[in-house]
C-alpha atoms as a PDB file:
ATOM      1  CA  UNK A   1      92.281  98.520 164.112  1.00  0.00           C
ATOM      2  CA  UNK A   2      89.173  98.782 161.900  1.00  0.00           C
ATOM      3  CA  UNK A   3      88.392 102.139 160.349  1.00  0.00           C
ATOM      4  CA  UNK A   4      84.770 103.264 160.314  1.00  0.00           C
ATOM      5  CA  UNK A   5      83.922 104.709 156.936  1.00  0.00           C
ATOM      6  CA  UNK A   6      81.003 107.109 156.629  1.00  0.00           C
ATOM      7  CA  UNK A   7      80.700 106.310 152.928  1.00  0.00           C
ATOM      8  CA  UNK A   8      79.590 102.756 153.707  1.00  0.00           C
ATOM      9  CA  UNK A   9      76.631 104.146 155.672  1.00  0.00           C
ATOM     10  CA  UNK A  10      75.419 106.597 153.015  1.00  0.00           C
ATOM     11  CA  UNK A  11      73.361 104.179 150.839  1.00  0.00           C
ATOM     12  CA  UNK A  12      71.561 102.852 153.905  1.00  0.00           C
ATOM     13  CA  UNK A  13      70.863 106.388 155.125  1.00  0.00           C
ATOM     14  CA  UNK A  14      69.445 107.336 151.737  1.00  0.00           C
ATOM     15  CA  UNK A  15      67.149 104.277 151.729  1.00  0.00           C
ATOM     16  CA  UNK A  16      66.039 105.018 155.280  1.00  0.00           C
ATOM     17  CA  UNK A  17      65.287 108.661 154.448  1.00  0.00           C
ATOM     18  CA  UNK A  18      63.319 107.618 151.370  1.00  0.00           C
ATOM     19  CA  UNK A  19      61.305 105.078 153.329  1.00  0.00           C
ATOM     20  CA  UNK A  20      60.588 107.509 156.169  1.00  0.00           C
ATOM     21  CA  UNK A  21      59.623 110.323 153.810  1.00  0.00           C
ATOM     22  CA  UNK A  22      57.132 108.095 151.951  1.00  0.00           C
ATOM     23  CA  UNK A  23      55.567 106.808 155.167  1.00  0.00           C
ATOM     24  CA  UNK A  24      52.629 109.025 156.053  1.00  0.00           C
ATOM     25  CA  UNK A  25      52.303 110.394 159.575  1.00  0.00           C
ATOM     26  CA  UNK A  26      55.917 109.703 160.551  1.00  0.00           C
ATOM     27  CA  UNK A  27      57.322 113.229 160.322  1.00  0.00           C
ATOM     28  CA  UNK A  28      58.513 113.319 163.930  1.00  0.00           C
ATOM     29  CA  UNK A  29      59.950 109.813 163.705  1.00  0.00           C
ATOM     30  CA  UNK A  30      61.708 110.724 160.455  1.00  0.00           C
ATOM     31  CA  UNK A  31      63.199 113.880 161.967  1.00  0.00           C
ATOM     32  CA  UNK A  32      64.396 111.976 165.042  1.00  0.00           C
ATOM     33  CA  UNK A  33      65.997 109.187 163.003  1.00  0.00           C
ATOM     34  CA  UNK A  34      67.669 111.574 160.555  1.00  0.00           C
ATOM     35  CA  UNK A  35      68.976 113.643 163.471  1.00  0.00           C
ATOM     36  CA  UNK A  36      70.533 110.537 165.037  1.00  0.00           C
ATOM     37  CA  UNK A  37      72.052 109.469 161.725  1.00  0.00           C
ATOM     38  CA  UNK A  38      73.616 112.914 161.277  1.00  0.00           C
ATOM     39  CA  UNK A  39      75.125 112.689 164.773  1.00  0.00           C
ATOM     40  CA  UNK A  40      76.454 109.210 163.958  1.00  0.00           C
ATOM     41  CA  UNK A  41      78.064 110.411 160.730  1.00  0.00           C
ATOM     42  CA  UNK A  42      79.700 113.369 162.507  1.00  0.00           C
ATOM     43  CA  UNK A  43      81.052 111.044 165.216  1.00  0.00           C
ATOM     44  CA  UNK A  44      82.425 108.667 162.579  1.00  0.00           C
ATOM     45  CA  UNK A  45      84.189 111.528 160.778  1.00  0.00           C
ATOM     46  CA  UNK A  46      85.702 112.669 164.067  1.00  0.00           C
ATOM     47  CA  UNK A  47      86.943 109.145 164.802  1.00  0.00           C
ATOM     48  CA  UNK A  48      88.517 108.914 161.346  1.00  0.00           C
ATOM     49  CA  UNK A  49      90.192 112.275 161.902  1.00  0.00           C
ATOM     50  CA  UNK A  50      91.580 111.180 165.265  1.00  0.00           C
ATOM     51  CA  UNK A  51      92.925 107.977 163.743  1.00  0.00           C
ATOM     52  CA  UNK A  52      94.662 109.953 160.994  1.00  0.00           C
ATOM     53  CA  UNK A  53      96.252 112.253 163.600  1.00  0.00           C
ATOM     54  CA  UNK A  54      97.404 109.208 165.575  1.00  0.00           C
ATOM     55  CA  UNK A  55      98.961 107.625 162.484  1.00  0.00           C
ATOM     56  CA  UNK A  56     100.769 110.866 161.628  1.00  0.00           C
ATOM     57  CA  UNK A  57     102.048 111.130 165.194  1.00  0.00           C
ATOM     58  CA  UNK A  58     103.418 107.577 165.091  1.00  0.00           C
ATOM     59  CA  UNK A  59     105.009 108.251 161.708  1.00  0.00           C
ATOM     60  CA  UNK A  60     107.033 111.174 163.096  1.00  0.00           C
ATOM     61  CA  UNK A  61     108.126 109.426 166.310  1.00  0.00           C
END
Protein backbone atom coordinates (compact mmCIF):
# COMPACT_ATOMS: atom_id res chain seq x y z
CA UNK A 1 0.00 0.00 0.00
CA UNK A 2 1.60 3.32 -1.03
CA UNK A 3 2.16 5.91 1.66
CA UNK A 4 1.40 9.53 0.82
CA UNK A 5 4.17 11.75 2.09
CA UNK A 6 3.45 15.42 2.73
CA UNK A 7 7.15 16.22 2.41
CA UNK A 8 7.10 15.34 -1.30
CA UNK A 9 4.45 18.02 -1.86
CA UNK A 10 6.23 20.84 0.00
CA UNK A 11 8.60 22.01 -2.80
CA UNK A 12 5.71 22.18 -5.26
CA UNK A 13 3.58 24.11 -2.76
CA UNK A 14 6.40 26.59 -2.19
CA UNK A 15 6.81 27.13 -5.95
CA UNK A 16 3.06 27.55 -6.37
CA UNK A 17 2.87 30.08 -3.52
CA UNK A 18 5.79 32.03 -4.97
CA UNK A 19 4.23 32.10 -8.42
CA UNK A 20 0.81 33.13 -7.10
CA UNK A 21 2.25 35.83 -4.85
CA UNK A 22 4.20 37.39 -7.74
CA UNK A 23 1.21 37.34 -10.07
CA UNK A 24 -0.61 40.64 -9.77
CA UNK A 25 -4.37 40.69 -9.25
CA UNK A 26 -4.61 37.05 -8.17
CA UNK A 27 -5.03 37.53 -4.42
CA UNK A 28 -8.35 35.66 -4.25
CA UNK A 29 -7.07 32.88 -6.49
CA UNK A 30 -3.91 32.60 -4.38
CA UNK A 31 -5.91 32.41 -1.15
CA UNK A 32 -8.22 29.75 -2.60
CA UNK A 33 -5.36 27.60 -3.90
CA UNK A 34 -3.34 27.88 -0.68
CA UNK A 35 -6.45 27.00 1.33
CA UNK A 36 -6.97 23.86 -0.76
CA UNK A 37 -3.31 22.88 -0.45
CA UNK A 38 -3.49 23.24 3.34
CA UNK A 39 -6.57 21.00 3.42
CA UNK A 40 -4.76 18.46 1.23
CA UNK A 41 -1.71 18.43 3.51
CA UNK A 42 -3.89 17.96 6.60
CA UNK A 43 -5.73 15.08 4.92
CA UNK A 44 -2.42 13.46 3.94
CA UNK A 45 -1.13 13.71 7.52
CA UNK A 46 -4.34 12.14 8.80
CA UNK A 47 -4.01 9.27 6.30
CA UNK A 48 -0.41 8.68 7.38
CA UNK A 49 -1.52 8.66 11.01
CA UNK A 50 -4.27 6.14 10.30
CA UNK A 51 -1.84 3.90 8.45
CA UNK A 52 0.58 4.00 11.39
CA UNK A 53 -2.25 3.06 13.79
CA UNK A 54 -3.24 0.19 11.50
CA UNK A 55 0.34 -1.11 11.35
CA UNK A 56 0.64 -0.95 15.15
CA UNK A 57 -2.66 -2.79 15.52
CA UNK A 58 -1.50 -5.57 13.18
CA UNK A 59 1.81 -5.79 15.02
CA UNK A 60 0.07 -6.51 18.34
CA UNK A 61 -2.43 -9.04 16.95
